[in-house]
């Protein structure tokens, strides 16, 4: 059953999913923005929920965290797709993300295609 968008914003734990492979330590990052990326101009969430998106990004930056791509979250992603860092976030704020900085420094960032 897909996760409802409203549920994601009400439950902070929904976004707290591992984006690193437990066995290898590789940090998963989308190779390109998904088709519904919140960082794409014209994305409907940018106009319908701008405050929530700003808050989510500000929180991630303040915590040296990241935004997990909504299309890779458990319950929303197709079978076999693992959670990954949003490419739009990485392109814009990647230098502020601890996971991406460590991953880059250790050569452990693995780019994966967005789910289709």
C-alpha atoms as a PDB file:
ATOM      1  CA  UNK A   1       0.000   0.000   0.000  1.00  0.00           C
ATOM      2  CA  UNK A   2       1.507   3.382  -0.984  1.00  0.00           C
ATOM      3  CA  UNK A   3       2.298   5.896   1.729  1.00  0.00           C
ATOM      4  CA  UNK A   4      -0.058   8.855   1.588  1.00  0.00           C
ATOM      5  CA  UNK A   5       1.691  12.205   1.165  1.00  0.00           C
ATOM      6  CA  UNK A   6      -0.095  13.625   4.211  1.00  0.00           C
ATOM      7  CA  UNK A   7       1.194  10.719   6.298  1.00  0.00           C
ATOM      8  CA  UNK A   8       4.773  11.479   5.317  1.00  0.00           C
ATOM      9  CA  UNK A   9       4.538  15.007   6.612  1.00  0.00           C
ATOM     10  CA  UNK A  10       2.724  14.131   9.812  1.00  0.00           C
ATOM     11  CA  UNK A  11       5.049  11.272  10.736  1.00  0.00           C
ATOM     12  CA  UNK A  12       8.665  12.418  10.925  1.00  0.00           C
ATOM     13  CA  UNK A  13       9.852   8.806  11.149  1.00  0.00           C
ATOM     14  CA  UNK A  14       8.590   8.103   7.621  1.00  0.00           C
ATOM     15  CA  UNK A  15      11.560  10.056   6.254  1.00  0.00           C
ATOM     16  CA  UNK A  16      14.067   8.372   8.584  1.00  0.00           C
ATOM     17  CA  UNK A  17      14.945   5.409   6.435  1.00  0.00           C
ATOM     18  CA  UNK A  18      18.496   4.201   5.791  1.00  0.00           C
ATOM     19  CA  UNK A  19      20.025   5.358   2.511  1.00  0.00           C
ATOM     20  CA  UNK A  20      23.260   3.435   3.119  1.00  0.00           C
ATOM     21  CA  UNK A  21      23.791  -0.238   2.442  1.00  0.00           C
ATOM     22  CA  UNK A  22      24.368  -1.949   5.787  1.00  0.00           C
ATOM     23  CA  UNK A  23      26.852  -4.454   4.324  1.00  0.00           C
ATOM     24  CA  UNK A  24      28.983  -2.142   2.161  1.00  0.00           C
ATOM     25  CA  UNK A  25      28.397   1.304   3.638  1.00  0.00           C
ATOM     26  CA  UNK A  26      27.590   2.653   0.188  1.00  0.00           C
ATOM     27  CA  UNK A  27      25.317   5.699   0.241  1.00  0.00           C
ATOM     28  CA  UNK A  28      22.562   5.481  -2.382  1.00  0.00           C
ATOM     29  CA  UNK A  29      21.986   8.649  -4.408  1.00  0.00           C
ATOM     30  CA  UNK A  30      19.639   9.000  -7.344  1.00  0.00           C
ATOM     31  CA  UNK A  31      21.577   9.429 -10.583  1.00  0.00           C
ATOM     32  CA  UNK A  32      19.057  12.042 -11.727  1.00  0.00           C
ATOM     33  CA  UNK A  33      15.972  13.750 -10.384  1.00  0.00           C
ATOM     34  CA  UNK A  34      12.846  11.608 -10.328  1.00  0.00           C
ATOM     35  CA  UNK A  35       9.958  12.745 -12.514  1.00  0.00           C
ATOM     36  CA  UNK A  36       8.134  14.259  -9.522  1.00  0.00           C
ATOM     37  CA  UNK A  37      11.144  15.733  -7.694  1.00  0.00           C
ATOM     38  CA  UNK A  38      10.262  18.594  -5.359  1.00  0.00           C
ATOM     39  CA  UNK A  39      13.260  20.450  -6.813  1.00  0.00           C
ATOM     40  CA  UNK A  40      11.841  20.397 -10.355  1.00  0.00           C
ATOM     41  CA  UNK A  41      10.321  23.669 -11.506  1.00  0.00           C
ATOM     42  CA  UNK A  42       6.588  23.255 -11.908  1.00  0.00           C
ATOM     43  CA  UNK A  43       6.280  20.458  -9.360  1.00  0.00           C
ATOM     44  CA  UNK A  44       2.764  20.793  -7.917  1.00  0.00           C
ATOM     45  CA  UNK A  45       3.988  20.360  -4.331  1.00  0.00           C
ATOM     46  CA  UNK A  46       6.095  23.506  -4.708  1.00  0.00           C
ATOM     47  CA  UNK A  47       2.917  25.565  -5.033  1.00  0.00           C
ATOM     48  CA  UNK A  48       0.569  23.543  -2.804  1.00  0.00           C
ATOM     49  CA  UNK A  49       2.953  22.930   0.114  1.00  0.00           C
ATOM     50  CA  UNK A  50       5.794  25.441  -0.154  1.00  0.00           C
ATOM     51  CA  UNK A  51       6.133  25.981   3.603  1.00  0.00           C
ATOM     52  CA  UNK A  52       6.394  22.249   4.319  1.00  0.00           C
ATOM     53  CA  UNK A  53       9.012  21.769   1.605  1.00  0.00           C
ATOM     54  CA  UNK A  54      11.046  24.741   2.884  1.00  0.00           C
ATOM     55  CA  UNK A  55      10.822  23.363   6.432  1.00  0.00           C
ATOM     56  CA  UNK A  56      11.881  19.864   5.371  1.00  0.00           C
ATOM     57  CA  UNK A  57      14.886  21.212   3.463  1.00  0.00           C
ATOM     58  CA  UNK A  58      15.861  23.639   6.233  1.00  0.00           C
ATOM     59  CA  UNK A  59      15.705  20.836   8.813  1.00  0.00           C
ATOM     60  CA  UNK A  60      17.867  18.566   6.661  1.00  0.00           C
ATOM     61  CA  UNK A  61      20.454  21.290   6.071  1.00  0.00           C
ATOM     62  CA  UNK A  62      20.507  22.319   9.750  1.00  0.00           C
ATOM     63  CA  UNK A  63      21.072  18.701  10.807  1.00  0.00           C
ATOM     64  CA  UNK A  64      23.693  18.065   8.087  1.00  0.00           C
ATOM     65  CA  UNK A  65      21.238  15.464   6.857  1.00  0.00           C
ATOM     66  CA  UNK A  66      19.534  14.883   3.545  1.00  0.00           C
ATOM     67  CA  UNK A  67      16.148  14.479   1.922  1.00  0.00           C
ATOM     68  CA  UNK A  68      15.236  10.952   0.933  1.00  0.00           C
ATOM     69  CA  UNK A  69      13.544  10.779  -2.464  1.00  0.00           C
ATOM     70  CA  UNK A  70       9.835  10.239  -1.857  1.00  0.00           C
ATOM     71  CA  UNK A  71       9.700   7.817  -4.798  1.00  0.00           C
ATOM     72  CA  UNK A  72      12.169   5.508  -3.000  1.00  0.00           C
ATOM     73  CA  UNK A  73      10.427   5.405   0.384  1.00  0.00           C
ATOM     74  CA  UNK A  74       9.152   2.024   1.564  1.00  0.00           C
ATOM     75  CA  UNK A  75       5.490   1.705   0.722  1.00  0.00           C
ATOM     76  CA  UNK A  76       5.777   4.128  -2.183  1.00  0.00           C
ATOM     77  CA  UNK A  77       8.669   2.635  -4.121  1.00  0.00           C
ATOM     78  CA  UNK A  78       8.294  -0.235  -6.560  1.00  0.00           C
ATOM     79  CA  UNK A  79       9.450  -3.642  -5.317  1.00  0.00           C
ATOM     80  CA  UNK A  80      13.222  -3.909  -5.049  1.00  0.00           C
ATOM     81  CA  UNK A  81      13.862  -0.142  -4.944  1.00  0.00           C
ATOM     82  CA  UNK A  82      15.852   0.916  -1.893  1.00  0.00           C
ATOM     83  CA  UNK A  83      15.713   4.375  -0.290  1.00  0.00           C
ATOM     84  CA  UNK A  84      18.096   6.907  -1.826  1.00  0.00           C
ATOM     85  CA  UNK A  85      19.012  10.546  -1.355  1.00  0.00           C
ATOM     86  CA  UNK A  86      17.047  12.941  -3.538  1.00  0.00           C
ATOM     87  CA  UNK A  87      19.138  14.104  -6.496  1.00  0.00           C
ATOM     88  CA  UNK A  88      17.615  17.575  -6.391  1.00  0.00           C
ATOM     89  CA  UNK A  89      18.654  17.943  -2.758  1.00  0.00           C
ATOM     90  CA  UNK A  90      22.149  16.618  -3.509  1.00  0.00           C
ATOM     91  CA  UNK A  91      22.610  18.990  -6.458  1.00  0.00           C
ATOM     92  CA  UNK A  92      21.532  21.971  -4.376  1.00  0.00           C
ATOM     93  CA  UNK A  93      22.712  21.174  -0.839  1.00  0.00           C
ATOM     94  CA  UNK A  94      24.936  18.101  -1.153  1.00  0.00           C
ATOM     95  CA  UNK A  95      27.955  19.872   0.316  1.00  0.00           C
ATOM     96  CA  UNK A  96      25.922  20.335   3.527  1.00  0.00           C
ATOM     97  CA  UNK A  97      25.028  16.618   3.878  1.00  0.00           C
ATOM     98  CA  UNK A  98      27.222  14.552   6.182  1.00  0.00           C
ATOM     99  CA  UNK A  99      26.274  11.293   4.431  1.00  0.00           C
ATOM    100  CA  UNK A 100      27.250  12.682   1.028  1.00  0.00           C
ATOM    101  CA  UNK A 101      30.470  14.288   2.298  1.00  0.00           C
ATOM    102  CA  UNK A 102      31.599  11.053   3.988  1.00  0.00           C
ATOM    103  CA  UNK A 103      30.444   8.973   1.048  1.00  0.00           C
ATOM    104  CA  UNK A 104      32.371  11.172  -1.383  1.00  0.00           C
ATOM    105  CA  UNK A 105      35.500  11.176   0.796  1.00  0.00           C
ATOM    106  CA  UNK A 106      35.460   7.380   1.085  1.00  0.00           C
ATOM    107  CA  UNK A 107      34.356   6.667  -2.479  1.00  0.00           C
ATOM    108  CA  UNK A 108      31.136   5.105  -1.210  1.00  0.00           C
ATOM    109  CA  UNK A 109      28.453   7.017  -3.106  1.00  0.00           C
ATOM    110  CA  UNK A 110      26.531   4.697  -5.438  1.00  0.00           C
ATOM    111  CA  UNK A 111      24.273   6.378  -7.952  1.00  0.00           C
ATOM    112  CA  UNK A 112      21.100   4.501  -8.782  1.00  0.00           C
ATOM    113  CA  UNK A 113      18.450   5.335 -11.373  1.00  0.00           C
ATOM    114  CA  UNK A 114      15.193   6.831 -10.175  1.00  0.00           C
ATOM    115  CA  UNK A 115      12.269   4.420  -9.993  1.00  0.00           C
ATOM    116  CA  UNK A 116      10.103   4.378 -13.061  1.00  0.00           C
END
